C-alpha cells in the first residue's frame, strides 16, 4: 500500500514539476503558441530524438504514434495543461484510493 501511495505522490510531484517547467519556458521568452514538438526541439533536439528511439524500440511504436505525436503537434501551452491534468488526476486518484482502502480516513472530532 505504501508503494502505491508513493507512486501517487510521484505523479503529483510530476504534475507540479511539469507546470513549473512550462511556466519557466514561457518566462524564458519562448513562444508557447508553437507546437510542443517545435519548442522541445528548439530547447534540446537530442532528447527529443532519444525519447522517440526509446519509446519505439523498447516500449511500443504505437505509443509514440498514437499518444506522443498528437501531443507534440498541439500548442505547447495546451500540452502542458493536458499533461498537468492527466498527472494530477492519476496521482490524486492513486493517493485517494490507497488512503480509502487502507481505512485511514480522517475523522473529524467535535468537542461537546
PDB file of N, CA and C in Angstrom:
ATOM      1  N   UNK A   1       0.818  -1.193   0.000  1.00  0.00           N
ATOM      2  CA  UNK A   1       0.000   0.000   0.000  1.00  0.00           C
ATOM      3  C   UNK A   1       0.865   1.262   0.000  1.00  0.00           C
ATOM      4  N   UNK A   2       1.982   1.207   0.733  1.00  0.00           N
ATOM      5  CA  UNK A   2       2.870   2.369   0.772  1.00  0.00           C
ATOM      6  C   UNK A   2       3.510   2.629  -0.583  1.00  0.00           C
ATOM      7  N   UNK A   3       3.787   1.560  -1.332  1.00  0.00           N
ATOM      8  CA  UNK A   3       4.378   1.739  -2.659  1.00  0.00           C
ATOM      9  C   UNK A   3       3.395   2.438  -3.593  1.00  0.00           C
ATOM     10  N   UNK A   4       2.120   2.086  -3.502  1.00  0.00           N
ATOM     11  CA  UNK A   4       1.114   2.760  -4.329  1.00  0.00           C
ATOM     12  C   UNK A   4       0.958   4.223  -3.925  1.00  0.00           C
ATOM     13  N   UNK A   5       0.978   4.471  -2.626  1.00  0.00           N
ATOM     14  CA  UNK A   5       0.875   5.860  -2.158  1.00  0.00           C
ATOM     15  C   UNK A   5       2.077   6.666  -2.631  1.00  0.00           C
ATOM     16  N   UNK A   6       3.249   6.062  -2.601  1.00  0.00           N
ATOM     17  CA  UNK A   6       4.453   6.725  -3.091  1.00  0.00           C
ATOM     18  C   UNK A   6       4.350   6.995  -4.593  1.00  0.00           C
ATOM     19  N   UNK A   7       3.804   6.030  -5.335  1.00  0.00           N
ATOM     20  CA  UNK A   7       3.596   6.229  -6.775  1.00  0.00           C
ATOM     21  C   UNK A   7       2.638   7.381  -7.030  1.00  0.00           C
ATOM     22  N   UNK A   8       1.566   7.449  -6.254  1.00  0.00           N
ATOM     23  CA  UNK A   8       0.617   8.556  -6.396  1.00  0.00           C
ATOM     24  C   UNK A   8       1.256   9.899  -6.110  1.00  0.00           C
ATOM     25  N   UNK A   9       2.065   9.947  -5.072  1.00  0.00           N
ATOM     26  CA  UNK A   9       2.761  11.195  -4.746  1.00  0.00           C
ATOM     27  C   UNK A   9       3.778  11.560  -5.821  1.00  0.00           C
ATOM     28  N   UNK A  10       4.388  10.556  -6.423  1.00  0.00           N
ATOM     29  CA  UNK A  10       5.316  10.808  -7.526  1.00  0.00           C
ATOM     30  C   UNK A  10       4.580  11.455  -8.696  1.00  0.00           C
ATOM     31  N   UNK A  11       3.387  10.948  -9.019  1.00  0.00           N
ATOM     32  CA  UNK A  11       2.600  11.548 -10.102  1.00  0.00           C
ATOM     33  C   UNK A  11       2.204  12.983  -9.764  1.00  0.00           C
ATOM     34  N   UNK A  12       1.868  13.237  -8.516  1.00  0.00           N
ATOM     35  CA  UNK A  12       1.544  14.609  -8.121  1.00  0.00           C
ATOM     36  C   UNK A  12       2.761  15.522  -8.244  1.00  0.00           C
ATOM     37  N   UNK A  13       3.904  15.041  -7.806  1.00  0.00           N
ATOM     38  CA  UNK A  13       5.136  15.806  -7.944  1.00  0.00           C
ATOM     39  C   UNK A  13       5.457  16.054  -9.415  1.00  0.00           C
ATOM     40  N   UNK A  14       5.248  15.047 -10.236  1.00  0.00           N
ATOM     41  CA  UNK A  14       5.474  15.165 -11.674  1.00  0.00           C
ATOM     42  C   UNK A  14       4.544  16.211 -12.281  1.00  0.00           C
ATOM     43  N   UNK A  15       3.296  16.241 -11.838  1.00  0.00           N
ATOM     44  CA  UNK A  15       2.338  17.221 -12.361  1.00  0.00           C
ATOM     45  C   UNK A  15       2.798  18.643 -12.071  1.00  0.00           C
ATOM     46  N   UNK A  16       3.177  18.895 -10.832  1.00  0.00           N
ATOM     47  CA  UNK A  16       3.566  20.257 -10.479  1.00  0.00           C
ATOM     48  C   UNK A  16       4.930  20.635 -11.057  1.00  0.00           C
ATOM     49  N   UNK A  17       5.816  19.671 -11.191  1.00  0.00           N
ATOM     50  CA  UNK A  17       7.108  19.949 -11.829  1.00  0.00           C
ATOM     51  C   UNK A  17       6.912  20.267 -13.303  1.00  0.00           C
ATOM     52  N   UNK A  18       5.990  19.575 -13.939  1.00  0.00           N
ATOM     53  CA  UNK A  18       5.728  19.808 -15.358  1.00  0.00           C
ATOM     54  C   UNK A  18       5.157  21.207 -15.578  1.00  0.00           C
ATOM     55  N   UNK A  19       4.274  21.649 -14.699  1.00  0.00           N
ATOM     56  CA  UNK A  19       3.728  23.007 -14.800  1.00  0.00           C
ATOM     57  C   UNK A  19       4.820  24.032 -14.532  1.00  0.00           C
ATOM     58  N   UNK A  20       5.667  23.771 -13.553  1.00  0.00           N
ATOM     59  CA  UNK A  20       6.749  24.703 -13.239  1.00  0.00           C
ATOM     60  C   UNK A  20       7.701  24.848 -14.422  1.00  0.00           C
ATOM     61  N   UNK A  21       8.025  23.746 -15.072  1.00  0.00           N
ATOM     62  CA  UNK A  21       8.898  23.810 -16.248  1.00  0.00           C
ATOM     63  C   UNK A  21       8.206  24.556 -17.376  1.00  0.00           C
ATOM     64  N   UNK A  22       6.909  24.326 -17.557  1.00  0.00           N
ATOM     65  CA  UNK A  22       6.159  25.046 -18.589  1.00  0.00           C
ATOM     66  C   UNK A  22       6.154  26.548 -18.352  1.00  0.00           C
ATOM     67  N   UNK A  23       5.959  26.951 -17.104  1.00  0.00           N
ATOM     68  CA  UNK A  23       5.974  28.379 -16.771  1.00  0.00           C
ATOM     69  C   UNK A  23       7.376  28.943 -16.954  1.00  0.00           C
ATOM     70  N   UNK A  24       8.385  28.177 -16.557  1.00  0.00           N
ATOM     71  CA  UNK A  24       9.767  28.633 -16.725  1.00  0.00           C
ATOM     72  C   UNK A  24      10.097  28.843 -18.208  1.00  0.00           C
ATOM     73  N   UNK A  25       9.653  27.933 -19.064  1.00  0.00           N
ATOM     74  CA  UNK A  25       9.901  28.069 -20.503  1.00  0.00           C
ATOM     75  C   UNK A  25       9.185  29.296 -21.048  1.00  0.00           C
ATOM     76  N   UNK A  26       7.968  29.540 -20.576  1.00  0.00           N
ATOM     77  CA  UNK A  26       7.219  30.719 -21.009  1.00  0.00           C
ATOM     78  C   UNK A  26       7.917  31.993 -20.560  1.00  0.00           C
ATOM     79  N   UNK A  27       8.368  32.025 -19.302  1.00  0.00           N
ATOM     80  CA  UNK A  27       9.047  33.211 -18.795  1.00  0.00           C
ATOM     81  C   UNK A  27      10.410  33.426 -19.449  1.00  0.00           C
ATOM     82  N   UNK A  28      11.006  32.358 -19.983  1.00  0.00           N
ATOM     83  CA  UNK A  28      12.292  32.491 -20.670  1.00  0.00           C
ATOM     84  C   UNK A  28      12.138  33.132 -22.043  1.00  0.00           C
ATOM     85  N   UNK A  29      10.895  33.330 -22.469  1.00  0.00           N
ATOM     86  CA  UNK A  29      10.661  34.041 -23.716  1.00  0.00           C
ATOM     87  C   UNK A  29      10.357  33.168 -24.912  1.00  0.00           C
ATOM     88  N   UNK A  30      10.142  31.894 -24.709  1.00  0.00           N
ATOM     89  CA  UNK A  30       9.799  31.023 -25.829  1.00  0.00           C
ATOM     90  C   UNK A  30       8.329  31.207 -26.189  1.00  0.00           C
ATOM     91  N   UNK A  31       8.029  31.034 -27.456  1.00  0.00           N
ATOM     92  CA  UNK A  31       6.667  31.179 -27.947  1.00  0.00           C
ATOM     93  C   UNK A  31       5.873  29.930 -27.583  1.00  0.00           C
ATOM     94  N   UNK A  32       4.986  30.040 -26.615  1.00  0.00           N
ATOM     95  CA  UNK A  32       4.236  28.875 -26.141  1.00  0.00           C
ATOM     96  C   UNK A  32       3.040  28.548 -27.026  1.00  0.00           C
ATOM     97  N   UNK A  33       2.820  29.353 -28.081  1.00  0.00           N
ATOM     98  CA  UNK A  33       1.752  29.030 -29.020  1.00  0.00           C
ATOM     99  C   UNK A  33       2.240  28.113 -30.144  1.00  0.00           C
ATOM    100  N   UNK A  34       3.561  27.947 -30.237  1.00  0.00           N
ATOM    101  CA  UNK A  34       4.105  26.978 -31.207  1.00  0.00           C
ATOM    102  C   UNK A  34       3.814  25.572 -30.711  1.00  0.00           C
ATOM    103  N   UNK A  35       3.970  24.611 -31.585  1.00  0.00           N
ATOM    104  CA  UNK A  35       3.691  23.236 -31.181  1.00  0.00           C
ATOM    105  C   UNK A  35       4.705  22.788 -30.135  1.00  0.00           C
ATOM    106  N   UNK A  36       4.279  21.837 -29.304  1.00  0.00           N
ATOM    107  CA  UNK A  36       5.144  21.337 -28.239  1.00  0.00           C
ATOM    108  C   UNK A  36       6.397  20.693 -28.816  1.00  0.00           C
ATOM    109  N   UNK A  37       6.261  20.025 -29.958  1.00  0.00           N
ATOM    110  CA  UNK A  37       7.418  19.413 -30.600  1.00  0.00           C
ATOM    111  C   UNK A  37       8.445  20.446 -31.049  1.00  0.00           C
ATOM    112  N   UNK A  38       7.963  21.564 -31.574  1.00  0.00           N
ATOM    113  CA  UNK A  38       8.880  22.628 -32.007  1.00  0.00           C
ATOM    114  C   UNK A  38       9.623  23.235 -30.823  1.00  0.00           C
ATOM    115  N   UNK A  39       8.902  23.473 -29.730  1.00  0.00           N
ATOM    116  CA  UNK A  39       9.532  24.052 -28.550  1.00  0.00           C
ATOM    117  C   UNK A  39      10.557  23.085 -27.979  1.00  0.00           C
ATOM    118  N   UNK A  40      10.188  21.804 -27.884  1.00  0.00           N
ATOM    119  CA  UNK A  40      11.114  20.796 -27.358  1.00  0.00           C
ATOM    120  C   UNK A  40      12.347  20.696 -28.250  1.00  0.00           C
ATOM    121  N   UNK A  41      12.145  20.701 -29.575  1.00  0.00           N
ATOM    122  CA  UNK A  41      13.272  20.608 -30.499  1.00  0.00           C
ATOM    123  C   UNK A  41      14.171  21.835 -30.397  1.00  0.00           C
ATOM    124  N   UNK A  42      13.573  23.000 -30.196  1.00  0.00           N
ATOM    125  CA  UNK A  42      14.374  24.219 -30.067  1.00  0.00           C
ATOM    126  C   UNK A  42      15.208  24.195 -28.782  1.00  0.00           C
ATOM    127  N   UNK A  43      14.661  23.595 -27.720  1.00  0.00           N
ATOM    128  CA  UNK A  43      15.378  23.550 -26.454  1.00  0.00           C
ATOM    129  C   UNK A  43      16.444  22.467 -26.429  1.00  0.00           C
ATOM    130  N   UNK A  44      16.104  21.270 -26.862  1.00  0.00           N
ATOM    131  CA  UNK A  44      17.036  20.135 -26.793  1.00  0.00           C
ATOM    132  C   UNK A  44      16.663  19.090 -27.839  1.00  0.00           C
ATOM    133  N   UNK A  45      17.188  19.233 -29.077  1.00  0.00           N
ATOM    134  CA  UNK A  45      16.803  18.302 -30.145  1.00  0.00           C
ATOM    135  C   UNK A  45      17.261  16.865 -29.890  1.00  0.00           C
ATOM    136  N   UNK A  46      18.375  16.699 -29.222  1.00  0.00           N
ATOM    137  CA  UNK A  46      18.876  15.352 -28.960  1.00  0.00           C
ATOM    138  C   UNK A  46      17.954  14.542 -28.068  1.00  0.00           C
ATOM    139  N   UNK A  47      17.371  15.196 -27.052  1.00  0.00           N
ATOM    140  CA  UNK A  47      16.495  14.458 -26.144  1.00  0.00           C
ATOM    141  C   UNK A  47      15.181  14.075 -26.809  1.00  0.00           C
ATOM    142  N   UNK A  48      14.720  14.885 -27.750  1.00  0.00           N
ATOM    143  CA  UNK A  48      13.501  14.532 -28.487  1.00  0.00           C
ATOM    144  C   UNK A  48      13.738  13.286 -29.323  1.00  0.00           C
ATOM    145  N   UNK A  49      14.837  13.244 -30.038  1.00  0.00           N
ATOM    146  CA  UNK A  49      15.166  12.072 -30.856  1.00  0.00           C
ATOM    147  C   UNK A  49      15.425  10.845 -29.982  1.00  0.00           C
ATOM    148  N   UNK A  50      16.095  11.042 -28.855  1.00  0.00           N
ATOM    149  CA  UNK A  50      16.374   9.944 -27.933  1.00  0.00           C
ATOM    150  C   UNK A  50      15.080   9.377 -27.356  1.00  0.00           C
ATOM    151  N   UNK A  51      14.157  10.251 -26.982  1.00  0.00           N
ATOM    152  CA  UNK A  51      12.875   9.799 -26.435  1.00  0.00           C
ATOM    153  C   UNK A  51      12.093   8.993 -27.464  1.00  0.00           C
ATOM    154  N   UNK A  52      12.097   9.454 -28.695  1.00  0.00           N
ATOM    155  CA  UNK A  52      11.403   8.716 -29.745  1.00  0.00           C
ATOM    156  C   UNK A  52      12.023   7.337 -29.928  1.00  0.00           C
ATOM    157  N   UNK A  53      13.335   7.257 -29.947  1.00  0.00           N
ATOM    158  CA  UNK A  53      14.002   5.974 -30.129  1.00  0.00           C
ATOM    159  C   UNK A  53      13.714   5.015 -28.986  1.00  0.00           C
ATOM    160  N   UNK A  54      13.748   5.513 -27.755  1.00  0.00           N
ATOM    161  CA  UNK A  54      13.485   4.663 -26.586  1.00  0.00           C
ATOM    162  C   UNK A  54      12.060   4.128 -26.618  1.00  0.00           C
ATOM    163  N   UNK A  55      11.100   5.007 -26.868  1.00  0.00           N
ATOM    164  CA  UNK A  55       9.696   4.578 -26.867  1.00  0.00           C
ATOM    165  C   UNK A  55       9.434   3.593 -27.994  1.00  0.00           C
ATOM    166  N   UNK A  56       9.952   3.859 -29.172  1.00  0.00           N
ATOM    167  CA  UNK A  56       9.666   2.979 -30.304  1.00  0.00           C
ATOM    168  C   UNK A  56      10.410   1.654 -30.221  1.00  0.00           C
ATOM    169  N   UNK A  57      11.610   1.634 -29.692  1.00  0.00           N
ATOM    170  CA  UNK A  57      12.373   0.389 -29.633  1.00  0.00           C
ATOM    171  C   UNK A  57      12.000  -0.485 -28.455  1.00  0.00           C
ATOM    172  N   UNK A  58      11.893   0.115 -27.273  1.00  0.00           N
ATOM    173  CA  UNK A  58      11.764  -0.675 -26.060  1.00  0.00           C
ATOM    174  C   UNK A  58      10.350  -0.755 -25.508  1.00  0.00           C
ATOM    175  N   UNK A  59       9.473   0.121 -25.919  1.00  0.00           N
ATOM    176  CA  UNK A  59       8.076   0.042 -25.492  1.00  0.00           C
ATOM    177  C   UNK A  59       7.250  -0.417 -26.689  1.00  0.00           C
ATOM    178  N   UNK A  60       6.386   0.419 -27.167  1.00  0.00           N
ATOM    179  CA  UNK A  60       5.591   0.108 -28.353  1.00  0.00           C
ATOM    180  C   UNK A  60       5.651   1.278 -29.322  1.00  0.00           C
ATOM    181  N   UNK A  61       5.864   1.019 -30.600  1.00  0.00           N
ATOM    182  CA  UNK A  61       5.845   2.122 -31.571  1.00  0.00           C
ATOM    183  C   UNK A  61       4.488   2.830 -31.606  1.00  0.00           C
ATOM    184  N   UNK A  62       3.414   2.095 -31.283  1.00  0.00           N
ATOM    185  CA  UNK A  62       2.081   2.697 -31.298  1.00  0.00           C
ATOM    186  C   UNK A  62       1.938   3.782 -30.226  1.00  0.00           C
ATOM    187  N   UNK A  63       2.672   3.648 -29.126  1.00  0.00           N
ATOM    188  CA  UNK A  63       2.616   4.677 -28.086  1.00  0.00           C
ATOM    189  C   UNK A  63       3.122   6.001 -28.644  1.00  0.00           C
ATOM    190  N   UNK A  64       4.205   5.934 -29.391  1.00  0.00           N
ATOM    191  CA  UNK A  64       4.756   7.166 -29.967  1.00  0.00           C
ATOM    192  C   UNK A  64       3.807   7.745 -31.007  1.00  0.00           C
ATOM    193  N   UNK A  65       3.289   6.875 -31.875  1.00  0.00           N
ATOM    194  CA  UNK A  65       2.450   7.349 -32.973  1.00  0.00           C
ATOM    195  C   UNK A  65       1.082   7.837 -32.508  1.00  0.00           C
ATOM    196  N   UNK A  66       0.474   7.160 -31.551  1.00  0.00           N
ATOM    197  CA  UNK A  66      -0.902   7.480 -31.174  1.00  0.00           C
ATOM    198  C   UNK A  66      -1.018   8.391 -29.954  1.00  0.00           C
ATOM    199  N   UNK A  67       0.035   8.489 -29.146  1.00  0.00           N
ATOM    200  CA  UNK A  67      -0.036   9.326 -27.944  1.00  0.00           C
ATOM    201  C   UNK A  67       0.921  10.511 -28.042  1.00  0.00           C
ATOM    202  N   UNK A  68       2.181  10.238 -28.289  1.00  0.00           N
ATOM    203  CA  UNK A  68       3.191  11.301 -28.246  1.00  0.00           C
ATOM    204  C   UNK A  68       3.073  12.273 -29.417  1.00  0.00           C
ATOM    205  N   UNK A  69       2.911  11.761 -30.626  1.00  0.00           N
ATOM    206  CA  UNK A  69       2.867  12.650 -31.797  1.00  0.00           C
ATOM    207  C   UNK A  69       1.684  13.610 -31.735  1.00  0.00           C
ATOM    208  N   UNK A  70       0.452  13.145 -31.447  1.00  0.00           N
ATOM    209  CA  UNK A  70      -0.636  14.132 -31.334  1.00  0.00           C
ATOM    210  C   UNK A  70      -0.401  15.162 -30.223  1.00  0.00           C
ATOM    211  N   UNK A  71       0.227  14.745 -29.137  1.00  0.00           N
ATOM    212  CA  UNK A  71       0.527  15.680 -28.058  1.00  0.00           C
ATOM    213  C   UNK A  71       1.597  16.681 -28.480  1.00  0.00           C
ATOM    214  N   UNK A  72       2.575  16.226 -29.238  1.00  0.00           N
ATOM    215  CA  UNK A  72       3.638  17.118 -29.708  1.00  0.00           C
ATOM    216  C   UNK A  72       3.162  18.082 -30.797  1.00  0.00           C
ATOM    217  N   UNK A  73       2.079  17.751 -31.471  1.00  0.00           N
ATOM    218  CA  UNK A  73       1.541  18.632 -32.506  1.00  0.00           C
ATOM    219  C   UNK A  73       0.643  19.731 -31.935  1.00  0.00           C
ATOM    220  N   UNK A  74       0.202  19.575 -30.715  1.00  0.00           N
ATOM    221  CA  UNK A  74      -0.626  20.598 -30.064  1.00  0.00           C
ATOM    222  C   UNK A  74       0.242  21.795 -29.666  1.00  0.00           C
ATOM    223  N   UNK A  75      -0.391  22.946 -29.448  1.00  0.00           N
ATOM    224  CA  UNK A  75       0.386  24.080 -28.924  1.00  0.00           C
ATOM    225  C   UNK A  75       1.021  23.712 -27.581  1.00  0.00           C
ATOM    226  N   UNK A  76       2.168  24.297 -27.315  1.00  0.00           N
ATOM    227  CA  UNK A  76       2.922  23.956 -26.112  1.00  0.00           C
ATOM    228  C   UNK A  76       2.103  24.154 -24.842  1.00  0.00           C
ATOM    229  N   UNK A  77       1.410  25.290 -24.730  1.00  0.00           N
ATOM    230  CA  UNK A  77       0.650  25.571 -23.515  1.00  0.00           C
ATOM    231  C   UNK A  77      -0.453  24.537 -23.317  1.00  0.00           C
ATOM    232  N   UNK A  78      -1.062  24.095 -24.401  1.00  0.00           N
ATOM    233  CA  UNK A  78      -2.135  23.115 -24.306  1.00  0.00           C
ATOM    234  C   UNK A  78      -1.594  21.758 -23.872  1.00  0.00           C
ATOM    235  N   UNK A  79      -0.438  21.386 -24.368  1.00  0.00           N
ATOM    236  CA  UNK A  79       0.186  20.133 -23.953  1.00  0.00           C
ATOM    237  C   UNK A  79       0.538  20.159 -22.475  1.00  0.00           C
ATOM    238  N   UNK A  80       1.023  21.296 -21.993  1.00  0.00           N
ATOM    239  CA  UNK A  80       1.356  21.422 -20.579  1.00  0.00           C
ATOM    240  C   UNK A  80       0.101  21.252 -19.726  1.00  0.00           C
ATOM    241  N   UNK A  81      -0.979  21.893 -20.117  1.00  0.00           N
ATOM    242  CA  UNK A  81      -2.226  21.800 -19.350  1.00  0.00           C
ATOM    243  C   UNK A  81      -2.773  20.376 -19.384  1.00  0.00           C
ATOM    244  N   UNK A  82      -2.767  19.733 -20.538  1.00  0.00           N
ATOM    245  CA  UNK A  82      -3.277  18.363 -20.643  1.00  0.00           C
ATOM    246  C   UNK A  82      -2.457  17.386 -19.805  1.00  0.00           C
ATOM    247  N   UNK A  83      -1.141  17.505 -19.860  1.00  0.00           N
ATOM    248  CA  UNK A  83      -0.297  16.624 -19.062  1.00  0.00           C
ATOM    249  C   UNK A  83      -0.466  16.899 -17.569  1.00  0.00           C
ATOM    250  N   UNK A  84      -0.625  18.172 -17.197  1.00  0.00           N
ATOM    251  CA  UNK A  84      -0.854  18.502 -15.797  1.00  0.00           C
ATOM    252  C   UNK A  84      -2.133  17.846 -15.289  1.00  0.00           C
ATOM    253  N   UNK A  85      -3.206  17.957 -16.068  1.00  0.00           N
ATOM    254  CA  UNK A  85      -4.473  17.355 -15.658  1.00  0.00           C
ATOM    255  C   UNK A  85      -4.343  15.840 -15.577  1.00  0.00           C
ATOM    256  N   UNK A  86      -3.691  15.228 -16.549  1.00  0.00           N
ATOM    257  CA  UNK A  86      -3.519  13.775 -16.541  1.00  0.00           C
ATOM    258  C   UNK A  86      -2.732  13.321 -15.315  1.00  0.00           C
ATOM    259  N   UNK A  87      -1.593  13.947 -15.036  1.00  0.00           N
ATOM    260  CA  UNK A  87      -0.775  13.561 -13.889  1.00  0.00           C
ATOM    261  C   UNK A  87      -1.486  13.867 -12.567  1.00  0.00           C
ATOM    262  N   UNK A  88      -2.193  14.990 -12.501  1.00  0.00           N
ATOM    263  CA  UNK A  88      -2.890  15.362 -11.279  1.00  0.00           C
ATOM    264  C   UNK A  88      -4.019  14.385 -10.963  1.00  0.00           C
ATOM    265  N   UNK A  89      -4.811  14.045 -11.953  1.00  0.00           N
ATOM    266  CA  UNK A  89      -5.915  13.108 -11.738  1.00  0.00           C
ATOM    267  C   UNK A  89      -5.385  11.727 -11.392  1.00  0.00           C
ATOM    268  N   UNK A  90      -4.357  11.283 -12.096  1.00  0.00           N
ATOM    269  CA  UNK A  90      -3.783   9.966 -11.819  1.00  0.00           C
ATOM    270  C   UNK A  90      -3.192   9.918 -10.414  1.00  0.00           C
ATOM    271  N   UNK A  91      -2.384  10.893 -10.064  1.00  0.00           N
ATOM    272  CA  UNK A  91      -1.747  10.903  -8.756  1.00  0.00           C
ATOM    273  C   UNK A  91      -2.726  11.036  -7.617  1.00  0.00           C
ATOM    274  N   UNK A  92      -3.666  11.955  -7.747  1.00  0.00           N
ATOM    275  CA  UNK A  92      -4.633  12.132  -6.658  1.00  0.00           C
ATOM    276  C   UNK A  92      -5.567  10.934  -6.559  1.00  0.00           C
ATOM    277  N   UNK A  93      -5.883  10.308  -7.674  1.00  0.00           N
ATOM    278  CA  UNK A  93      -6.705   9.098  -7.639  1.00  0.00           C
ATOM    279  C   UNK A  93      -6.002   7.960  -6.925  1.00  0.00           C
ATOM    280  N   UNK A  94      -4.743   7.768  -7.217  1.00  0.00           N
ATOM    281  CA  UNK A  94      -3.972   6.707  -6.558  1.00  0.00           C
ATOM    282  C   UNK A  94      -3.864   6.979  -5.061  1.00  0.00           C
ATOM    283  N   UNK A  95      -3.539   8.211  -4.697  1.00  0.00           N
ATOM    284  CA  UNK A  95      -3.407   8.550  -3.272  1.00  0.00           C
ATOM    285  C   UNK A  95      -4.749   8.389  -2.565  1.00  0.00           C
ATOM    286  N   UNK A  96      -5.820   8.864  -3.185  1.00  0.00           N
ATOM    287  CA  UNK A  96      -7.139   8.763  -2.563  1.00  0.00           C
ATOM    288  C   UNK A  96      -7.526   7.307  -2.327  1.00  0.00           C
ATOM    289  N   UNK A  97      -7.358   6.470  -3.331  1.00  0.00           N
ATOM    290  CA  UNK A  97      -7.781   5.082  -3.177  1.00  0.00           C
ATOM    291  C   UNK A  97      -6.887   4.299  -2.226  1.00  0.00           C
ATOM    292  N   UNK A  98      -5.613   4.632  -2.139  1.00  0.00           N
ATOM    293  CA  UNK A  98      -4.773   3.938  -1.155  1.00  0.00           C
ATOM    294  C   UNK A  98      -5.172   4.334   0.263  1.00  0.00           C
ATOM    295  N   UNK A  99      -5.510   5.608   0.466  1.00  0.00           N
ATOM    296  CA  UNK A  99      -5.965   6.039   1.786  1.00  0.00           C
ATOM    297  C   UNK A  99      -7.336   5.435   2.083  1.00  0.00           C
ATOM    298  N   UNK A 100      -8.217   5.430   1.108  1.00  0.00           N
ATOM    299  CA  UNK A 100      -9.562   4.897   1.293  1.00  0.00           C
ATOM    300  C   UNK A 100      -9.522   3.398   1.569  1.00  0.00           C
ATOM    301  N   UNK A 101      -8.716   2.659   0.827  1.00  0.00           N
ATOM    302  CA  UNK A 101      -8.660   1.215   1.002  1.00  0.00           C
ATOM    303  C   UNK A 101      -7.936   0.804   2.281  1.00  0.00           C
ATOM    304  N   UNK A 102      -7.033   1.636   2.762  1.00  0.00           N
ATOM    305  CA  UNK A 102      -6.310   1.282   3.981  1.00  0.00           C
ATOM    306  C   UNK A 102      -7.123   1.564   5.236  1.00  0.00           C
ATOM    307  N   UNK A 103      -8.203   2.311   5.113  1.00  0.00           N
ATOM    308  CA  UNK A 103      -9.056   2.591   6.253  1.00  0.00           C
ATOM    309  C   UNK A 103      -8.567   3.715   7.128  1.00  0.00           C
ATOM    310  N   UNK A 104      -7.563   4.449   6.702  1.00  0.00           N
ATOM    311  CA  UNK A 104      -7.024   5.559   7.491  1.00  0.00           C
ATOM    312  C   UNK A 104      -7.677   6.870   7.089  1.00  0.00           C
ATOM    313  N   UNK A 105      -8.966   6.847   7.022  1.00  0.00           N
ATOM    314  CA  UNK A 105      -9.660   8.075   6.664  1.00  0.00           C
ATOM    315  C   UNK A 105      -9.643   9.027   7.850  1.00  0.00           C
ATOM    316  N   UNK A 106      -9.585  10.266   7.553  1.00  0.00           N
ATOM    317  CA  UNK A 106      -9.512  11.295   8.576  1.00  0.00           C
ATOM    318  C   UNK A 106     -10.880  11.432   9.248  1.00  0.00           C
ATOM    319  N   UNK A 107     -10.884  11.396  10.537  1.00  0.00           N
ATOM    320  CA  UNK A 107     -12.129  11.549  11.285  1.00  0.00           C
ATOM    321  C   UNK A 107     -12.146  12.953  11.912  1.00  0.00           C
ATOM    322  N   UNK A 108     -13.311  13.531  11.902  1.00  0.00           N
ATOM    323  CA  UNK A 108     -13.471  14.856  12.480  1.00  0.00           C
ATOM    324  C   UNK A 108     -13.976  14.692  13.904  1.00  0.00           C
ATOM    325  N   UNK A 109     -13.241  15.218  14.851  1.00  0.00           N
ATOM    326  CA  UNK A 109     -13.627  15.147  16.239  1.00  0.00           C
ATOM    327  C   UNK A 109     -14.248  16.483  16.635  1.00  0.00           C
ATOM    328  N   UNK A 110     -15.410  16.397  17.197  1.00  0.00           N
ATOM    329  CA  UNK A 110     -16.073  17.622  17.651  1.00  0.00           C
ATOM    330  C   UNK A 110     -16.106  17.652  19.167  1.00  0.00           C
ATOM    331  N   UNK A 111     -15.929  18.814  19.716  1.00  0.00           N
ATOM    332  CA  UNK A 111     -15.991  18.982  21.159  1.00  0.00           C
ATOM    333  C   UNK A 111     -17.429  19.277  21.556  1.00  0.00           C
ATOM    334  N   UNK A 112     -17.843  18.617  22.566  1.00  0.00           N
ATOM    335  CA  UNK A 112     -19.228  18.836  23.016  1.00  0.00           C
ATOM    336  C   UNK A 112     -19.248  19.519  24.357  1.00  0.00           C
TER     337      UNK A 112
END
